Amino acid sequence: MANILVYIDVQGNRPHPRSLTALNYGRRIASQYGATLYAVLPCAKTPTYGSDDIISVVSRYGADKALLVQGDHLAGPPLACTHLDAIVA
């Protein structure tokens, strides 16, 4: 089975609107090919869980599963040197 990963740009524990647009397009492609759509969420701190947390938001935008990657090194801007290892892992 195919998997589609969409990297979510997280700003202040909220997904950036461009990332949600990409997730929407990913949902269309995943539905067309019967794939699972994953939202990759790099977070410096553990997100709060509730009705409007980041995982709930990406779920509403079509993500089947959320991959939460957490680490202090992810607090800065999303750069390949800081986020690539988290994505590969």
PDB file of N, CA and C in Angstrom:
ATOM      1  N   MET A   1       0.838  -1.171   0.000  1.00  0.00           N
ATOM      2  CA  MET A   1       0.000   0.000   0.000  1.00  0.00           C
ATOM      3  C   MET A   1       0.888   1.241   0.000  1.00  0.00           C
ATOM      4  N   ALA A   2       0.452   2.261  -0.694  1.00  0.00           N
ATOM      5  CA  ALA A   2       1.200   3.503  -0.806  1.00  0.00           C
ATOM      6  C   ALA A   2       0.957   4.406   0.407  1.00  0.00           C
ATOM      7  N   ASN A   3       1.956   5.191   0.720  1.00  0.00           N
ATOM      8  CA  ASN A   3       1.854   6.190   1.777  1.00  0.00           C
ATOM      9  C   ASN A   3       2.255   7.547   1.215  1.00  0.00           C
ATOM     10  N   ILE A   4       1.587   8.578   1.654  1.00  0.00           N
ATOM     11  CA  ILE A   4       1.926   9.941   1.265  1.00  0.00           C
ATOM     12  C   ILE A   4       2.230  10.715   2.537  1.00  0.00           C
ATOM     13  N   LEU A   5       3.392  11.372   2.554  1.00  0.00           N
ATOM     14  CA  LEU A   5       3.792  12.186   3.695  1.00  0.00           C
ATOM     15  C   LEU A   5       3.662  13.653   3.316  1.00  0.00           C
ATOM     16  N   VAL A   6       3.028  14.440   4.180  1.00  0.00           N
ATOM     17  CA  VAL A   6       2.949  15.886   3.995  1.00  0.00           C
ATOM     18  C   VAL A   6       3.600  16.523   5.216  1.00  0.00           C
ATOM     19  N   TYR A   7       4.659  17.278   4.962  1.00  0.00           N
ATOM     20  CA  TYR A   7       5.368  17.976   6.027  1.00  0.00           C
ATOM     21  C   TYR A   7       4.551  19.203   6.418  1.00  0.00           C
ATOM     22  N   ILE A   8       4.250  19.343   7.689  1.00  0.00           N
ATOM     23  CA  ILE A   8       3.447  20.452   8.190  1.00  0.00           C
ATOM     24  C   ILE A   8       4.365  21.473   8.848  1.00  0.00           C
ATOM     25  N   ASP A   9       4.359  22.680   8.324  1.00  0.00           N
ATOM     26  CA  ASP A   9       5.130  23.768   8.914  1.00  0.00           C
ATOM     27  C   ASP A   9       4.370  24.256  10.146  1.00  0.00           C
ATOM     28  N   VAL A  10       4.957  24.064  11.318  1.00  0.00           N
ATOM     29  CA  VAL A  10       4.302  24.408  12.581  1.00  0.00           C
ATOM     30  C   VAL A  10       4.837  25.738  13.070  1.00  0.00           C
ATOM     31  N   GLN A  11       3.930  26.670  13.327  1.00  0.00           N
ATOM     32  CA  GLN A  11       4.304  27.981  13.851  1.00  0.00           C
ATOM     33  C   GLN A  11       3.483  28.257  15.103  1.00  0.00           C
ATOM     34  N   GLY A  12       4.146  28.283  16.231  1.00  0.00           N
ATOM     35  CA  GLY A  12       3.456  28.558  17.484  1.00  0.00           C
ATOM     36  C   GLY A  12       2.393  27.526  17.820  1.00  0.00           C
ATOM     37  N   ASN A  13       2.699  26.262  17.603  1.00  0.00           N
ATOM     38  CA  ASN A  13       1.782  25.146  17.883  1.00  0.00           C
ATOM     39  C   ASN A  13       0.536  25.162  17.004  1.00  0.00           C
ATOM     40  N   ARG A  14       0.619  25.848  15.859  1.00  0.00           N
ATOM     41  CA  ARG A  14      -0.472  25.877  14.877  1.00  0.00           C
ATOM     42  C   ARG A  14       0.111  25.534  13.513  1.00  0.00           C
ATOM     43  N   PRO A  15      -0.617  24.803  12.687  1.00  0.00           N
ATOM     44  CA  PRO A  15      -0.124  24.528  11.339  1.00  0.00           C
ATOM     45  C   PRO A  15      -0.247  25.770  10.459  1.00  0.00           C
ATOM     46  N   HIS A  16       0.753  26.003   9.624  1.00  0.00           N
ATOM     47  CA  HIS A  16       0.716  27.138   8.699  1.00  0.00           C
ATOM     48  C   HIS A  16      -0.359  26.874   7.636  1.00  0.00           C
ATOM     49  N   PRO A  17      -1.101  27.895   7.224  1.00  0.00           N
ATOM     50  CA  PRO A  17      -2.164  27.695   6.221  1.00  0.00           C
ATOM     51  C   PRO A  17      -1.681  27.037   4.922  1.00  0.00           C
ATOM     52  N   ARG A  18      -0.450  27.341   4.488  1.00  0.00           N
ATOM     53  CA  ARG A  18       0.077  26.691   3.268  1.00  0.00           C
ATOM     54  C   ARG A  18       0.198  25.189   3.457  1.00  0.00           C
ATOM     55  N   SER A  19       0.566  24.776   4.650  1.00  0.00           N
ATOM     56  CA  SER A  19       0.679  23.348   4.933  1.00  0.00           C
ATOM     57  C   SER A  19      -0.682  22.672   4.891  1.00  0.00           C
ATOM     58  N   LEU A  20      -1.708  23.362   5.351  1.00  0.00           N
ATOM     59  CA  LEU A  20      -3.055  22.795   5.308  1.00  0.00           C
ATOM     60  C   LEU A  20      -3.554  22.679   3.871  1.00  0.00           C
ATOM     61  N   THR A  21      -3.160  23.623   3.018  1.00  0.00           N
ATOM     62  CA  THR A  21      -3.493  23.532   1.597  1.00  0.00           C
ATOM     63  C   THR A  21      -2.808  22.319   0.974  1.00  0.00           C
ATOM     64  N   ALA A  22      -1.535  22.116   1.304  1.00  0.00           N
ATOM     65  CA  ALA A  22      -0.808  20.952   0.805  1.00  0.00           C
ATOM     66  C   ALA A  22      -1.447  19.656   1.293  1.00  0.00           C
ATOM     67  N   LEU A  23      -1.915  19.663   2.531  1.00  0.00           N
ATOM     68  CA  LEU A  23      -2.581  18.491   3.090  1.00  0.00           C
ATOM     69  C   LEU A  23      -3.873  18.189   2.339  1.00  0.00           C
ATOM     70  N   ASN A  24      -4.595  19.234   1.965  1.00  0.00           N
ATOM     71  CA  ASN A  24      -5.812  19.079   1.173  1.00  0.00           C
ATOM     72  C   ASN A  24      -5.524  18.407  -0.165  1.00  0.00           C
ATOM     73  N   TYR A  25      -4.479  18.858  -0.850  1.00  0.00           N
ATOM     74  CA  TYR A  25      -4.081  18.243  -2.121  1.00  0.00           C
ATOM     75  C   TYR A  25      -3.619  16.802  -1.903  1.00  0.00           C
ATOM     76  N   GLY A  26      -2.894  16.578  -0.810  1.00  0.00           N
ATOM     77  CA  GLY A  26      -2.457  15.225  -0.491  1.00  0.00           C
ATOM     78  C   GLY A  26      -3.636  14.293  -0.271  1.00  0.00           C
ATOM     79  N   ARG A  27      -4.699  14.805   0.351  1.00  0.00           N
ATOM     80  CA  ARG A  27      -5.906  13.996   0.582  1.00  0.00           C
ATOM     81  C   ARG A  27      -6.522  13.561  -0.742  1.00  0.00           C
ATOM     82  N   ARG A  28      -6.565  14.470  -1.702  1.00  0.00           N
ATOM     83  CA  ARG A  28      -7.121  14.129  -3.030  1.00  0.00           C
ATOM     84  C   ARG A  28      -6.316  13.016  -3.696  1.00  0.00           C
ATOM     85  N   ILE A  29      -4.996  13.160  -3.641  1.00  0.00           N
ATOM     86  CA  ILE A  29      -4.130  12.153  -4.265  1.00  0.00           C
ATOM     87  C   ILE A  29      -4.244  10.823  -3.533  1.00  0.00           C
ATOM     88  N   ALA A  30      -4.234  10.857  -2.217  1.00  0.00           N
ATOM     89  CA  ALA A  30      -4.335   9.627  -1.430  1.00  0.00           C
ATOM     90  C   ALA A  30      -5.652   8.914  -1.698  1.00  0.00           C
ATOM     91  N   SER A  31      -6.717   9.660  -1.794  1.00  0.00           N
ATOM     92  CA  SER A  31      -8.027   9.046  -2.072  1.00  0.00           C
ATOM     93  C   SER A  31      -8.060   8.421  -3.451  1.00  0.00           C
ATOM     94  N   GLN A  32      -7.434   9.075  -4.404  1.00  0.00           N
ATOM     95  CA  GLN A  32      -7.425   8.569  -5.776  1.00  0.00           C
ATOM     96  C   GLN A  32      -6.664   7.254  -5.888  1.00  0.00           C
ATOM     97  N   TYR A  33      -5.581   7.115  -5.137  1.00  0.00           N
ATOM     98  CA  TYR A  33      -4.732   5.928  -5.251  1.00  0.00           C
ATOM     99  C   TYR A  33      -4.883   4.945  -4.095  1.00  0.00           C
ATOM    100  N   GLY A  34      -5.777   5.208  -3.174  1.00  0.00           N
ATOM    101  CA  GLY A  34      -5.968   4.310  -2.043  1.00  0.00           C
ATOM    102  C   GLY A  34      -4.800   4.317  -1.076  1.00  0.00           C
ATOM    103  N   ALA A  35      -4.149   5.455  -0.943  1.00  0.00           N
ATOM    104  CA  ALA A  35      -2.975   5.578  -0.085  1.00  0.00           C
ATOM    105  C   ALA A  35      -3.360   6.109   1.296  1.00  0.00           C
ATOM    106  N   THR A  36      -2.459   5.953   2.234  1.00  0.00           N
ATOM    107  CA  THR A  36      -2.620   6.509   3.566  1.00  0.00           C
ATOM    108  C   THR A  36      -1.913   7.856   3.599  1.00  0.00           C
ATOM    109  N   LEU A  37      -2.593   8.878   4.102  1.00  0.00           N
ATOM    110  CA  LEU A  37      -2.029  10.224   4.165  1.00  0.00           C
ATOM    111  C   LEU A  37      -1.533  10.507   5.579  1.00  0.00           C
ATOM    112  N   TYR A  38      -0.227  10.775   5.684  1.00  0.00           N
ATOM    113  CA  TYR A  38       0.408  11.085   6.962  1.00  0.00           C
ATOM    114  C   TYR A  38       0.740  12.570   7.024  1.00  0.00           C
ATOM    115  N   ALA A  39       0.469  13.198   8.145  1.00  0.00           N
ATOM    116  CA  ALA A  39       0.906  14.564   8.417  1.00  0.00           C
ATOM    117  C   ALA A  39       2.123  14.475   9.327  1.00  0.00           C
ATOM    118  N   VAL A  40       3.260  14.984   8.877  1.00  0.00           N
ATOM    119  CA  VAL A  40       4.486  14.977   9.672  1.00  0.00           C
ATOM    120  C   VAL A  40       4.541  16.291  10.444  1.00  0.00           C
ATOM    121  N   LEU A  41       4.483  16.200  11.765  1.00  0.00           N
ATOM    122  CA  LEU A  41       4.400  17.374  12.633  1.00  0.00           C
ATOM    123  C   LEU A  41       5.666  17.523  13.467  1.00  0.00           C
ATOM    124  N   PRO A  42       6.599  18.401  13.060  1.00  0.00           N
ATOM    125  CA  PRO A  42       7.788  18.645  13.877  1.00  0.00           C
ATOM    126  C   PRO A  42       7.471  19.662  14.966  1.00  0.00           C
ATOM    127  N   CYS A  43       7.625  19.280  16.215  1.00  0.00           N
ATOM    128  CA  CYS A  43       7.281  20.159  17.340  1.00  0.00           C
ATOM    129  C   CYS A  43       8.424  20.211  18.340  1.00  0.00           C
ATOM    130  N   ALA A  44       8.717  21.411  18.810  1.00  0.00           N
ATOM    131  CA  ALA A  44       9.737  21.555  19.852  1.00  0.00           C
ATOM    132  C   ALA A  44       9.186  21.133  21.202  1.00  0.00           C
ATOM    133  N   LYS A  45       7.889  21.363  21.425  1.00  0.00           N
ATOM    134  CA  LYS A  45       7.238  20.999  22.678  1.00  0.00           C
ATOM    135  C   LYS A  45       6.050  20.092  22.368  1.00  0.00           C
ATOM    136  N   THR A  46       5.657  19.312  23.334  1.00  0.00           N
ATOM    137  CA  THR A  46       4.489  18.463  23.179  1.00  0.00           C
ATOM    138  C   THR A  46       3.260  19.338  22.989  1.00  0.00           C
ATOM    139  N   PRO A  47       2.467  19.086  21.946  1.00  0.00           N
ATOM    140  CA  PRO A  47       1.276  19.906  21.741  1.00  0.00           C
ATOM    141  C   PRO A  47       0.225  19.630  22.806  1.00  0.00           C
ATOM    142  N   THR A  48      -0.611  20.616  23.012  1.00  0.00           N
ATOM    143  CA  THR A  48      -1.732  20.418  23.922  1.00  0.00           C
ATOM    144  C   THR A  48      -2.774  19.585  23.187  1.00  0.00           C
ATOM    145  N   TYR A  49      -3.480  18.780  23.906  1.00  0.00           N
ATOM    146  CA  TYR A  49      -4.486  17.930  23.292  1.00  0.00           C
ATOM    147  C   TYR A  49      -5.863  18.427  23.690  1.00  0.00           C
ATOM    148  N   GLY A  50      -6.710  18.600  22.720  1.00  0.00           N
ATOM    149  CA  GLY A  50      -8.063  19.090  22.946  1.00  0.00           C
ATOM    150  C   GLY A  50      -8.817  19.114  21.633  1.00  0.00           C
ATOM    151  N   SER A  51      -9.922  19.821  21.612  1.00  0.00           N
ATOM    152  CA  SER A  51     -10.754  19.826  20.408  1.00  0.00           C
ATOM    153  C   SER A  51     -10.149  20.642  19.280  1.00  0.00           C
ATOM    154  N   ASP A  52      -9.211  21.565  19.593  1.00  0.00           N
ATOM    155  CA  ASP A  52      -8.634  22.413  18.552  1.00  0.00           C
ATOM    156  C   ASP A  52      -7.108  22.329  18.526  1.00  0.00           C
ATOM    157  N   ASP A  53      -6.559  21.188  18.953  1.00  0.00           N
ATOM    158  CA  ASP A  53      -5.108  21.045  18.930  1.00  0.00           C
ATOM    159  C   ASP A  53      -4.641  20.754  17.504  1.00  0.00           C
ATOM    160  N   ILE A  54      -3.336  20.768  17.307  1.00  0.00           N
ATOM    161  CA  ILE A  54      -2.774  20.635  15.969  1.00  0.00           C
ATOM    162  C   ILE A  54      -3.111  19.288  15.325  1.00  0.00           C
ATOM    163  N   ILE A  55      -3.181  18.235  16.111  1.00  0.00           N
ATOM    164  CA  ILE A  55      -3.506  16.918  15.560  1.00  0.00           C
ATOM    165  C   ILE A  55      -4.964  16.883  15.096  1.00  0.00           C
ATOM    166  N   SER A  56      -5.849  17.499  15.845  1.00  0.00           N
ATOM    167  CA  SER A  56      -7.259  17.585  15.427  1.00  0.00           C
ATOM    168  C   SER A  56      -7.404  18.390  14.142  1.00  0.00           C
ATOM    169  N   VAL A  57      -6.626  19.468  14.027  1.00  0.00           N
ATOM    170  CA  VAL A  57      -6.706  20.316  12.833  1.00  0.00           C
ATOM    171  C   VAL A  57      -6.264  19.549  11.594  1.00  0.00           C
ATOM    172  N   VAL A  58      -5.109  18.852  11.667  1.00  0.00           N
ATOM    173  CA  VAL A  58      -4.651  18.121  10.479  1.00  0.00           C
ATOM    174  C   VAL A  58      -5.590  16.958  10.148  1.00  0.00           C
ATOM    175  N   SER A  59      -6.236  16.403  11.148  1.00  0.00           N
ATOM    176  CA  SER A  59      -7.226  15.351  10.896  1.00  0.00           C
ATOM    177  C   SER A  59      -8.422  15.903  10.131  1.00  0.00           C
ATOM    178  N   ARG A  60      -8.868  17.088  10.512  1.00  0.00           N
ATOM    179  CA  ARG A  60      -9.988  17.720   9.809  1.00  0.00           C
ATOM    180  C   ARG A  60      -9.635  18.073   8.372  1.00  0.00           C
ATOM    181  N   TYR A  61      -8.357  18.301   8.096  1.00  0.00           N
ATOM    182  CA  TYR A  61      -7.917  18.618   6.745  1.00  0.00           C
ATOM    183  C   TYR A  61      -7.554  17.380   5.935  1.00  0.00           C
ATOM    184  N   GLY A  62      -7.823  16.207   6.467  1.00  0.00           N
ATOM    185  CA  GLY A  62      -7.701  14.993   5.670  1.00  0.00           C
ATOM    186  C   GLY A  62      -6.631  14.007   6.044  1.00  0.00           C
ATOM    187  N   ALA A  63      -5.795  14.295   7.032  1.00  0.00           N
ATOM    188  CA  ALA A  63      -4.733  13.355   7.409  1.00  0.00           C
ATOM    189  C   ALA A  63      -5.336  12.099   8.035  1.00  0.00           C
ATOM    190  N   ASP A  64      -4.878  10.943   7.566  1.00  0.00           N
ATOM    191  CA  ASP A  64      -5.297   9.681   8.167  1.00  0.00           C
ATOM    192  C   ASP A  64      -4.555   9.452   9.479  1.00  0.00           C
ATOM    193  N   LYS A  65      -3.266   9.830   9.476  1.00  0.00           N
ATOM    194  CA  LYS A  65      -2.428   9.627  10.653  1.00  0.00           C
ATOM    195  C   LYS A  65      -1.512  10.836  10.816  1.00  0.00           C
ATOM    196  N   ALA A  66      -1.120  11.102  12.045  1.00  0.00           N
ATOM    197  CA  ALA A  66      -0.187  12.186  12.347  1.00  0.00           C
ATOM    198  C   ALA A  66       1.077  11.587  12.939  1.00  0.00           C
ATOM    199  N   LEU A  67       2.216  11.984  12.390  1.00  0.00           N
ATOM    200  CA  LEU A  67       3.510  11.563  12.912  1.00  0.00           C
ATOM    201  C   LEU A  67       4.102  12.735  13.667  1.00  0.00           C
ATOM    202  N   LEU A  68       4.095  12.662  14.970  1.00  0.00           N
ATOM    203  CA  LEU A  68       4.598  13.730  15.817  1.00  0.00           C
ATOM    204  C   LEU A  68       6.082  13.498  16.070  1.00  0.00           C
ATOM    205  N   VAL A  69       6.893  14.449  15.628  1.00  0.00           N
ATOM    206  CA  VAL A  69       8.339  14.387  15.833  1.00  0.00           C
ATOM    207  C   VAL A  69       8.685  15.515  16.794  1.00  0.00           C
ATOM    208  N   GLN A  70       9.237  15.157  17.929  1.00  0.00           N
ATOM    209  CA  GLN A  70       9.468  16.145  18.976  1.00  0.00           C
ATOM    210  C   GLN A  70      10.941  16.239  19.319  1.00  0.00           C
ATOM    211  N   GLY A  71      11.414  17.462  19.537  1.00  0.00           N
ATOM    212  CA  GLY A  71      12.791  17.681  19.964  1.00  0.00           C
ATOM    213  C   GLY A  71      13.072  19.157  20.108  1.00  0.00           C
ATOM    214  N   ASP A  72      13.952  19.510  21.043  1.00  0.00           N
ATOM    215  CA  ASP A  72      14.291  20.912  21.271  1.00  0.00           C
ATOM    216  C   ASP A  72      14.923  21.555  20.041  1.00  0.00           C
ATOM    217  N   HIS A  73      15.636  20.774  19.233  1.00  0.00           N
ATOM    218  CA  HIS A  73      16.306  21.317  18.052  1.00  0.00           C
ATOM    219  C   HIS A  73      15.315  21.757  16.966  1.00  0.00           C
ATOM    220  N   LEU A  74      14.044  21.432  17.129  1.00  0.00           N
ATOM    221  CA  LEU A  74      13.038  21.797  16.138  1.00  0.00           C
ATOM    222  C   LEU A  74      12.387  23.151  16.434  1.00  0.00           C
ATOM    223  N   ALA A  75      12.889  23.874  17.432  1.00  0.00           N
ATOM    224  CA  ALA A  75      12.288  25.150  17.826  1.00  0.00           C
ATOM    225  C   ALA A  75      12.566  26.259  16.822  1.00  0.00           C
ATOM    226  N   GLY A  76      13.663  26.187  16.103  1.00  0.00           N
ATOM    227  CA  GLY A  76      14.021  27.239  15.164  1.00  0.00           C
ATOM    228  C   GLY A  76      13.263  27.122  13.851  1.00  0.00           C
ATOM    229  N   PRO A  77      13.689  27.903  12.881  1.00  0.00           N
ATOM    230  CA  PRO A  77      13.032  27.835  11.577  1.00  0.00           C
ATOM    231  C   PRO A  77      13.260  26.470  10.931  1.00  0.00           C
ATOM    232  N   PRO A  78      12.329  26.033  10.083  1.00  0.00           N
ATOM    233  CA  PRO A  78      12.475  24.714   9.450  1.00  0.00           C
ATOM    234  C   PRO A  78      13.570  24.718   8.398  1.00  0.00           C
ATOM    235  N   LEU A  79      14.711  24.185   8.765  1.00  0.00           N
ATOM    236  CA  LEU A  79      15.850  24.083   7.865  1.00  0.00           C
ATOM    237  C   LEU A  79      16.216  22.616   7.703  1.00  0.00           C
ATOM    238  N   ALA A  80      16.810  22.296   6.578  1.00  0.00           N
ATOM    239  CA  ALA A  80      17.215  20.912   6.350  1.00  0.00           C
ATOM    240  C   ALA A  80      18.178  20.434   7.424  1.00  0.00           C
ATOM    241  N   CYS A  81      19.073  21.320   7.891  1.00  0.00           N
ATOM    242  CA  CYS A  81      20.065  20.896   8.884  1.00  0.00           C
ATOM    243  C   CYS A  81      19.435  20.614  10.249  1.00  0.00           C
ATOM    244  N   THR A  82      18.265  21.176  10.526  1.00  0.00           N
ATOM    245  CA  THR A  82      17.632  20.930  11.823  1.00  0.00           C
ATOM    246  C   THR A  82      16.465  19.939  11.738  1.00  0.00           C
ATOM    247  N   HIS A  83      15.767  19.891  10.636  1.00  0.00           N
ATOM    248  CA  HIS A  83      14.564  19.070  10.544  1.00  0.00           C
ATOM    249  C   HIS A  83      14.729  17.791   9.731  1.00  0.00           C
ATOM    250  N   LEU A  84      15.758  17.715   8.893  1.00  0.00           N
ATOM    251  CA  LEU A  84      15.900  16.550   8.029  1.00  0.00           C
ATOM    252  C   LEU A  84      16.090  15.253   8.800  1.00  0.00           C
ATOM    253  N   ASP A  85      16.920  15.275   9.848  1.00  0.00           N
ATOM    254  CA  ASP A  85      17.123  14.060  10.644  1.00  0.00           C
ATOM    255  C   ASP A  85      15.815  13.588  11.278  1.00  0.00           C
ATOM    256  N   ALA A  86      14.994  14.525  11.721  1.00  0.00           N
ATOM    257  CA  ALA A  86      13.700  14.162  12.329  1.00  0.00           C
ATOM    258  C   ALA A  86      12.777  13.523  11.306  1.00  0.00           C
ATOM    259  N   ILE A  87      12.788  14.035  10.103  1.00  0.00           N
ATOM    260  CA  ILE A  87      11.924  13.483   9.053  1.00  0.00           C
ATOM    261  C   ILE A  87      12.405  12.103   8.628  1.00  0.00           C
ATOM    262  N   VAL A  88      13.706  11.943   8.482  1.00  0.00           N
ATOM    263  CA  VAL A  88      14.254  10.651   8.077  1.00  0.00           C
ATOM    264  C   VAL A  88      13.968   9.597   9.133  1.00  0.00           C
ATOM    265  N   ALA A  89      14.079   9.973  10.410  1.00  0.00           N
ATOM    266  CA  ALA A  89      13.821   9.022  11.499  1.00  0.00           C
ATOM    267  C   ALA A  89      12.376   8.586  11.471  1.00  0.00           C
TER     268      ALA A  89
END
